[in-house]
Amino acid sequence: MRFSLSRRTSLGAVTLISAGALGISGIAATAADAKASARASSTTPIVTAVAPAKALDGEVLNVGDQAGTGAEAVLEAAGLIKVSGSSGVLKDGLHVTWDDFTSGPPILEAEEAGAVDIGGVGDAPPIFADPTGKVVIVGVLKSTYDNAALLVPANSPITSVSQLVGKTVAVGTGTSADYHLLTVLEKAGVSPSSVTHDSLSGAAGLAALESGSVAAFDTWSPWVEDAEAQGARVLVTGAPYGSPYSYQVASAEALKNPKKVLAIRDYLTELDKAYVWVKSHPSFWAHTWSTVTSLPFTVTSAATLDDPYTPIPLTSSIVAQEQDVLDGFASAGEIPSKYDIAQYASSAFAGAVTGDWPATTTTKHKKKKS
């Protein structure tokens, strides 16, 4: 069963779930001696791929992605993957397949259904996922608070959040924009129930804003910058609204498979290096981002400055902030009840941030003398 959607879309080690509980204790692979360097030029990165896990035996990792703004585009920009159709091979030899989605919630739905092993999402999708351990947060990216905004048309009479009462706002249900809007309304003293939500994101949300069918549109980069380029006006952005964190989330089923765990280890390591590279090469990333999204270079250049992702380890303080996101949605009645999100997060892959993995966990036996 495939969950592919349109390619035009929007985008301190604390063992919170123990490695042993996920079946990932003691299976870090022996490091190979091979080093893969990217092509050297003024526009391509010079990076070294992680030593591949020897025990993969042709294992393929199925990745849920937000086309044009997600992992595939970042890995391509950094020269760490060779893409062919809907699959690719990372520099370390890991094979991946891509399923493209419009936002984070359907990625996690695909994980829950067993169609996807891992995917990148914002802060809200893990909250709306099935809270029975079917998905687990395994990686963290930190951005700025400027990568999300609430927008209104340029000629809109609305100048304050309080004026949204009784009006309709386009926002993807269960997306990071959903939480951004929730915090915007609450900090303005506006009840979320007094505003009608039209569940639209990305290009569809922007189209609704331009047509006048909604009074406002809450979204993330690069759609914020695209909307501004079309004449929209930012009503609210920046701290203290929303959250600066987004996540790599794996299916609990994949984490029961030792080979999948090794594949996730390699994938996260390469992906984290790619994010570090594009952050230090913003112009090159903006060009690549423009190409894959068909957005103007001026738009992606602005988005690159507003949306600089940095890989960081998953810590208890980050999980505590994600708990705040969950509690906020529960209090607003957008999810049935509160629960402990720490049950569905693991720092077992924190080494992906640095690429520091144990050389081997295999016991070597000396040959007996004959």
Protein backbone atom coordinates (compact mmCIF):
# COMPACT_ATOMS: atom_id res chain seq x y z
CA MET A 1 0.00 0.00 0.00
CA ARG A 2 1.46 3.38 -1.01
CA PHE A 3 0.77 6.74 0.54
CA SER A 4 2.44 8.95 -2.06
CA LEU A 5 0.88 12.34 -2.57
CA SER A 6 1.56 15.32 -4.81
CA ARG A 7 5.18 16.40 -5.15
CA ARG A 8 4.19 20.06 -4.68
CA THR A 9 4.11 20.43 -0.91
CA SER A 10 4.56 22.77 2.01
CA LEU A 11 8.11 21.40 4.80
CA GLY A 12 22.41 15.14 26.57
CA ALA A 13 21.56 11.51 26.10
CA VAL A 14 18.50 10.70 28.18
CA THR A 15 17.10 7.31 27.28
CA LEU A 16 13.43 8.15 27.32
CA ILE A 17 12.69 4.79 25.78
CA SER A 18 15.49 2.41 26.63
CA ALA A 19 17.59 1.00 23.82
CA GLY A 20 16.91 -2.47 25.11
CA ALA A 21 13.16 -1.94 25.03
CA LEU A 22 13.41 -1.14 21.34
CA GLY A 23 15.72 -4.02 20.58
CA ILE A 24 18.59 -1.69 19.68
CA SER A 25 20.96 -2.40 22.52
CA GLY A 26 24.27 -3.90 21.51
CA ILE A 27 23.83 -3.86 17.76
CA ALA A 28 25.95 -0.90 16.66
CA ALA A 29 27.84 -2.12 13.61
CA THR A 30 31.51 -2.57 12.94
CA ALA A 31 32.87 0.52 11.19
CA ALA A 32 34.27 0.01 7.72
CA ASP A 33 37.51 1.66 6.71
CA ALA A 34 36.14 3.09 3.48
CA LYS A 35 35.77 6.85 3.21
CA ALA A 36 33.45 8.39 0.66
CA SER A 37 34.11 12.02 -0.21
CA ALA A 38 31.74 14.20 -2.17
CA ARG A 39 32.75 15.79 -5.43
CA ALA A 40 34.83 18.85 -4.74
CA SER A 41 33.92 22.11 -6.38
CA SER A 42 32.91 25.61 -5.39
CA THR A 43 29.28 24.60 -5.16
CA THR A 44 29.28 21.05 -3.83
CA PRO A 45 30.17 19.88 -0.34
CA ILE A 46 33.33 18.14 0.78
CA VAL A 47 32.07 15.76 3.43
CA THR A 48 32.82 12.24 4.55
CA ALA A 49 30.09 9.65 4.67
CA VAL A 50 29.52 7.61 7.79
CA ALA A 51 31.19 4.20 7.77
CA PRO A 52 28.35 1.93 6.65
CA ALA A 53 26.87 -0.73 8.85
CA LYS A 54 28.13 -4.12 7.69
CA ALA A 55 25.09 -6.01 8.86
CA LEU A 56 22.52 -4.33 6.61
CA ASP A 57 22.60 -7.06 3.94
CA GLY A 58 20.70 -4.97 1.40
CA GLU A 59 18.17 -3.59 3.89
CA VAL A 60 16.10 -0.76 2.39
CA LEU A 61 14.84 2.12 4.52
CA ASN A 62 11.42 3.51 3.61
CA VAL A 63 11.34 7.26 4.26
CA GLY A 64 8.31 9.51 4.43
CA ASP A 65 9.22 12.95 3.11
CA GLN A 66 7.79 16.38 2.41
CA ALA A 67 8.80 16.77 -1.22
CA GLY A 68 11.02 19.68 -2.03
CA THR A 69 11.41 20.83 1.57
CA GLY A 70 12.39 17.61 3.28
CA ALA A 71 15.20 15.12 3.66
CA GLU A 72 15.64 14.11 0.02
CA ALA A 73 16.19 17.71 -1.10
CA VAL A 74 18.64 18.41 1.73
CA LEU A 75 20.64 15.24 1.06
CA GLU A 76 20.75 16.04 -2.64
CA ALA A 77 21.88 19.60 -1.99
CA ALA A 78 24.70 18.32 0.21
CA GLY A 79 25.75 15.76 -2.38
CA LEU A 80 25.17 12.87 0.01
CA ILE A 81 22.70 10.89 -2.07
CA LYS A 82 22.29 9.69 -5.61
CA VAL A 83 18.60 9.76 -6.51
CA SER A 84 16.88 7.68 -9.15
CA GLY A 85 13.12 8.03 -9.37
CA SER A 86 11.54 7.33 -5.98
CA SER A 87 14.65 5.69 -4.52
CA GLY A 88 18.21 6.65 -3.78
CA VAL A 89 21.54 5.46 -2.47
CA LEU A 90 23.31 7.40 0.26
CA LYS A 91 27.05 7.96 0.09
CA ASP A 92 27.49 5.28 2.74
CA GLY A 93 25.72 2.71 0.51
CA LEU A 94 22.37 2.70 2.32
CA HIS A 95 19.38 2.28 -0.01
CA VAL A 96 16.30 4.37 0.68
CA THR A 97 12.91 4.76 -0.96
CA TRP A 98 10.84 7.93 -0.75
CA ASP A 99 7.13 8.45 -0.27
CA ASP A 100 6.11 12.11 -0.60
CA PHE A 101 3.44 13.80 1.52
CA THR A 102 1.99 17.27 1.89
CA SER A 103 2.73 17.55 5.63
CA GLY A 104 3.75 15.62 8.74
CA PRO A 105 0.46 14.01 9.89
CA PRO A 106 0.04 11.69 6.86
CA ILE A 107 3.68 10.63 7.22
CA LEU A 108 2.96 9.33 10.70
CA GLU A 109 -0.27 7.72 9.52
CA ALA A 110 1.81 5.81 6.98
CA GLU A 111 4.24 4.77 9.73
CA GLU A 112 1.37 3.52 11.86
CA ALA A 113 0.15 1.49 8.88
CA GLY A 114 3.61 -0.05 8.39
CA ALA A 115 4.26 1.61 5.01
CA VAL A 116 7.03 3.97 6.17
CA ASP A 117 9.97 3.40 8.55
CA ILE A 118 10.94 6.98 9.38
CA GLY A 119 10.08 10.55 8.44
CA GLY A 120 10.65 14.18 9.34
CA VAL A 121 7.77 16.15 10.89
CA GLY A 122 7.12 19.30 12.92
CA ASP A 123 6.33 19.55 16.61
CA ALA A 124 2.60 18.79 16.45
CA PRO A 125 2.30 15.60 14.33
CA PRO A 126 3.75 13.28 17.03
CA ILE A 127 1.09 14.60 19.41
CA PHE A 128 -1.72 13.65 17.03
CA ALA A 129 -0.24 10.22 16.26
CA ASP A 130 -1.70 7.08 17.78
CA PRO A 131 -0.48 7.22 21.42
CA THR A 132 0.06 3.47 21.68
CA GLY A 133 3.76 3.37 20.90
CA LYS A 134 3.44 2.97 17.14
CA VAL A 135 5.82 5.87 16.45
CA VAL A 136 8.88 7.08 18.35
CA ILE A 137 10.79 10.39 18.22
CA VAL A 138 14.43 9.52 17.43
CA GLY A 139 15.98 12.78 16.18
CA VAL A 140 15.70 16.54 16.67
CA LEU A 141 16.22 19.61 14.51
CA LYS A 142 16.18 23.08 16.01
CA SER A 143 15.24 26.12 13.96
CA THR A 144 14.26 29.69 14.80
CA TYR A 145 10.82 30.93 15.73
CA ASP A 146 10.81 32.91 12.47
CA ASN A 147 10.09 29.86 10.31
CA ALA A 148 6.36 30.13 11.09
CA ALA A 149 3.91 33.00 10.72
CA LEU A 150 0.26 33.96 10.68
CA LEU A 151 -0.50 35.92 7.50
CA VAL A 152 -3.35 38.06 6.22
CA PRO A 153 -3.94 39.60 2.77
CA ALA A 154 -2.15 42.89 2.16
CA ASN A 155 -5.42 44.83 2.02
CA SER A 156 -6.96 43.09 5.03
CA PRO A 157 -8.43 45.37 7.72
CA ILE A 158 -7.19 42.90 10.34
CA THR A 159 -4.34 44.39 12.39
CA SER A 160 -4.60 42.34 15.58
CA VAL A 161 -5.18 38.70 16.49
CA SER A 162 -8.34 39.60 18.43
CA GLN A 163 -9.99 40.59 15.15
CA LEU A 164 -9.91 36.95 14.01
CA VAL A 165 -12.84 36.08 16.28
CA GLY A 166 -15.65 34.69 14.12
CA LYS A 167 -13.41 34.38 11.08
CA THR A 168 -11.85 31.44 9.22
CA VAL A 169 -8.12 30.66 9.27
CA ALA A 170 -6.38 28.20 6.95
CA VAL A 171 -4.11 25.90 8.95
CA GLY A 172 -3.16 22.26 8.53
CA THR A 173 -4.74 20.21 11.31
CA GLY A 174 -2.11 18.49 13.43
CA THR A 175 0.78 20.35 11.77
CA SER A 176 3.34 22.63 13.40
CA ALA A 177 1.28 25.56 12.08
CA ASP A 178 -1.66 24.24 14.11
CA TYR A 179 0.35 24.62 17.32
CA HIS A 180 1.71 27.99 16.18
CA LEU A 181 -1.85 29.25 15.70
CA LEU A 182 -2.93 27.81 19.05
CA THR A 183 -0.20 29.75 20.89
CA VAL A 184 -0.93 32.92 18.91
CA LEU A 185 -4.62 32.80 19.87
CA GLU A 186 -4.01 31.91 23.50
CA LYS A 187 -1.41 34.63 24.04
CA ALA A 188 -3.87 37.15 22.58
CA GLY A 189 -6.60 35.92 24.92
CA VAL A 190 -8.66 34.53 22.06
CA SER A 191 -10.44 31.21 22.55
CA PRO A 192 -9.41 28.71 19.81
CA SER A 193 -13.06 27.70 19.50
CA SER A 194 -14.00 31.25 18.45
CA VAL A 195 -12.02 30.87 15.23
CA THR A 196 -13.00 28.48 12.42
CA HIS A 197 -10.17 26.28 11.13
CA ASP A 198 -10.01 25.34 7.45
CA SER A 199 -7.57 22.41 7.26
CA LEU A 200 -5.33 23.64 4.46
CA SER A 201 -1.57 23.89 4.23
CA GLY A 202 1.12 24.73 1.69
CA ALA A 203 0.02 25.89 -1.75
CA ALA A 204 -3.63 25.15 -0.98
CA GLY A 205 -3.61 27.42 2.06
CA LEU A 206 -1.93 30.20 0.13
CA ALA A 207 -4.49 29.87 -2.67
CA ALA A 208 -7.32 30.17 -0.12
CA LEU A 209 -5.72 33.30 1.34
CA GLU A 210 -5.30 34.88 -2.09
CA SER A 211 -8.88 34.09 -3.11
CA GLY A 212 -10.27 35.63 0.06
CA SER A 213 -11.99 32.43 1.18
CA VAL A 214 -10.10 32.63 4.49
CA ALA A 215 -9.19 35.65 6.59
CA ALA A 216 -5.74 34.40 7.53
CA PHE A 217 -3.27 31.60 6.88
CA ASP A 218 -0.83 30.06 9.37
CA THR A 219 2.08 28.19 7.83
CA TRP A 220 5.84 27.57 7.78
CA SER A 221 8.81 28.29 5.51
CA PRO A 222 9.03 28.50 2.52
CA TRP A 223 5.27 29.13 2.25
CA VAL A 224 5.54 32.11 4.60
CA GLU A 225 8.04 33.77 2.29
CA ASP A 226 6.06 32.72 -0.80
CA ALA A 227 2.93 34.32 0.65
CA GLU A 228 4.84 37.52 1.40
CA ALA A 229 6.14 37.58 -2.17
CA GLN A 230 2.50 37.38 -3.35
CA GLY A 231 1.65 40.43 -1.25
CA ALA A 232 0.46 38.84 2.00
CA ARG A 233 1.22 40.61 5.27
CA VAL A 234 2.67 38.93 8.38
CA LEU A 235 0.38 39.48 11.36
CA VAL A 236 2.37 37.46 13.91
CA THR A 237 5.71 35.65 13.85
CA GLY A 238 8.75 34.93 16.02
CA ALA A 239 9.11 34.07 19.68
CA PRO A 240 7.28 33.19 21.85
CA TYR A 241 4.86 31.55 19.42
CA GLY A 242 5.00 27.90 18.45
CA SER A 243 8.10 25.76 19.01
CA PRO A 244 11.56 25.76 17.39
CA TYR A 245 11.79 21.97 17.26
CA SER A 246 10.98 19.45 14.57
CA TYR A 247 11.60 15.73 14.68
CA GLN A 248 12.65 12.58 12.93
CA VAL A 249 10.09 9.97 13.93
CA ALA A 250 10.49 6.23 13.39
CA SER A 251 7.88 3.51 13.49
CA ALA A 252 8.08 1.32 16.57
CA GLU A 253 7.80 -1.69 14.27
CA ALA A 254 10.96 -0.68 12.39
CA LEU A 255 12.77 -0.26 15.71
CA LYS A 256 12.11 -3.92 16.50
CA ASN A 257 14.17 -4.94 13.45
CA PRO A 258 17.95 -4.85 14.12
CA LYS A 259 18.76 -4.23 10.46
CA LYS A 260 16.26 -1.36 10.26
CA VAL A 261 17.84 0.11 13.38
CA LEU A 262 21.27 0.07 11.72
CA ALA A 263 19.75 1.63 8.61
CA ILE A 264 18.14 4.38 10.71
CA ARG A 265 21.48 4.94 12.44
CA ASP A 266 23.23 5.51 9.10
CA TYR A 267 20.39 7.55 7.65
CA LEU A 268 20.17 9.96 10.59
CA THR A 269 23.95 10.42 10.62
CA GLU A 270 24.05 11.35 6.94
CA LEU A 271 20.96 13.55 7.22
CA ASP A 272 22.35 15.46 10.18
CA LYS A 273 25.57 16.12 8.27
CA ALA A 274 23.54 17.35 5.32
CA TYR A 275 21.65 19.84 7.52
CA VAL A 276 24.94 21.12 8.96
CA TRP A 277 26.29 21.56 5.44
CA VAL A 278 23.30 23.41 3.98
CA LYS A 279 23.23 25.74 6.98
CA SER A 280 26.79 26.81 6.20
CA HIS A 281 26.06 27.05 2.44
CA PRO A 282 22.76 28.98 2.40
CA SER A 283 23.04 30.28 -1.17
CA PHE A 284 23.63 26.83 -2.63
CA TRP A 285 20.78 25.38 -0.60
CA ALA A 286 18.49 28.21 -1.71
CA HIS A 287 19.25 27.42 -5.36
CA THR A 288 18.52 23.72 -4.81
CA TRP A 289 15.39 24.51 -2.81
CA SER A 290 14.18 26.78 -5.62
CA THR A 291 14.72 24.05 -8.20
CA VAL A 292 12.86 21.30 -6.37
CA THR A 293 9.93 23.47 -5.24
CA SER A 294 9.65 25.66 -8.38
CA LEU A 295 9.56 28.66 -6.06
CA PRO A 296 11.52 31.79 -7.03
CA PHE A 297 15.10 32.00 -5.78
CA THR A 298 14.24 35.21 -3.94
CA VAL A 299 11.62 33.28 -1.96
CA THR A 300 13.87 30.36 -1.04
CA SER A 301 16.75 32.71 -0.21
CA ALA A 302 14.56 34.48 2.35
CA ALA A 303 13.27 31.13 3.63
CA THR A 304 16.81 29.83 4.06
CA LEU A 305 17.56 32.69 6.46
CA ASP A 306 14.32 32.15 8.40
CA ASP A 307 14.60 28.37 8.53
CA PRO A 308 18.16 27.28 9.48
CA TYR A 309 17.84 23.78 10.91
CA THR A 310 20.49 22.54 13.33
CA PRO A 311 20.65 18.86 14.42
CA ILE A 312 20.81 18.49 18.20
CA PRO A 313 20.57 15.53 20.61
CA LEU A 314 17.22 14.67 22.13
CA THR A 315 17.24 15.74 25.78
CA SER A 316 14.77 15.70 28.65
CA SER A 317 14.26 19.47 28.32
CA ILE A 318 13.21 19.08 24.67
CA VAL A 319 10.82 16.31 25.62
CA ALA A 320 9.43 18.57 28.34
CA GLN A 321 8.73 21.25 25.74
CA GLU A 322 7.03 18.69 23.51
CA GLN A 323 4.94 17.74 26.55
CA ASP A 324 3.88 21.40 26.73
CA VAL A 325 2.75 21.14 23.09
CA LEU A 326 0.73 18.03 23.94
CA ASP A 327 -0.81 19.61 27.04
CA GLY A 328 -1.76 22.70 25.04
CA PHE A 329 -3.64 20.66 22.44
CA ALA A 330 -5.33 18.59 25.13
CA SER A 331 -6.47 21.69 27.03
CA ALA A 332 -7.84 23.14 23.78
CA GLY A 333 -9.79 19.93 23.16
CA GLU A 334 -7.91 19.12 19.94
CA ILE A 335 -6.76 15.73 21.25
CA PRO A 336 -8.84 13.49 23.56
CA SER A 337 -6.62 13.60 26.65
CA LYS A 338 -3.17 14.23 28.04
CA TYR A 339 -0.55 11.47 28.12
CA ASP A 340 3.19 11.17 28.74
CA ILE A 341 5.02 11.88 25.47
CA ALA A 342 8.32 10.72 27.00
CA GLN A 343 7.10 7.15 26.51
CA TYR A 344 7.39 7.70 22.77
CA ALA A 345 10.83 9.30 22.52
CA SER A 346 14.31 7.78 22.52
CA SER A 347 17.79 9.29 22.70
CA ALA A 348 19.35 6.03 21.51
CA PHE A 349 20.29 7.70 18.20
CA ALA A 350 21.94 10.78 19.70
CA GLY A 351 25.22 9.71 18.09
CA ALA A 352 23.76 10.72 14.73
CA VAL A 353 24.50 14.36 15.59
CA THR A 354 28.25 13.69 15.76
CA GLY A 355 28.54 10.40 13.91
CA ASP A 356 30.26 8.92 16.96
CA TRP A 357 29.23 5.29 16.98
CA PRO A 358 30.92 2.36 18.70
CA ALA A 359 33.45 0.71 16.40
CA THR A 360 32.01 -2.73 17.04
CA THR A 361 29.91 -4.77 19.40
CA THR A 362 30.96 -8.08 17.91
CA THR A 363 33.03 -10.36 20.08
CA LYS A 364 36.13 -11.54 18.29
CA HIS A 365 37.26 -15.10 18.96
CA LYS A 366 40.92 -15.97 18.68
CA LYS A 367 41.69 -18.93 16.52
CA LYS A 368 43.02 -21.94 18.38
CA LYS A 369 46.53 -22.98 17.56
CA SER A 370 46.70 -26.24 15.73
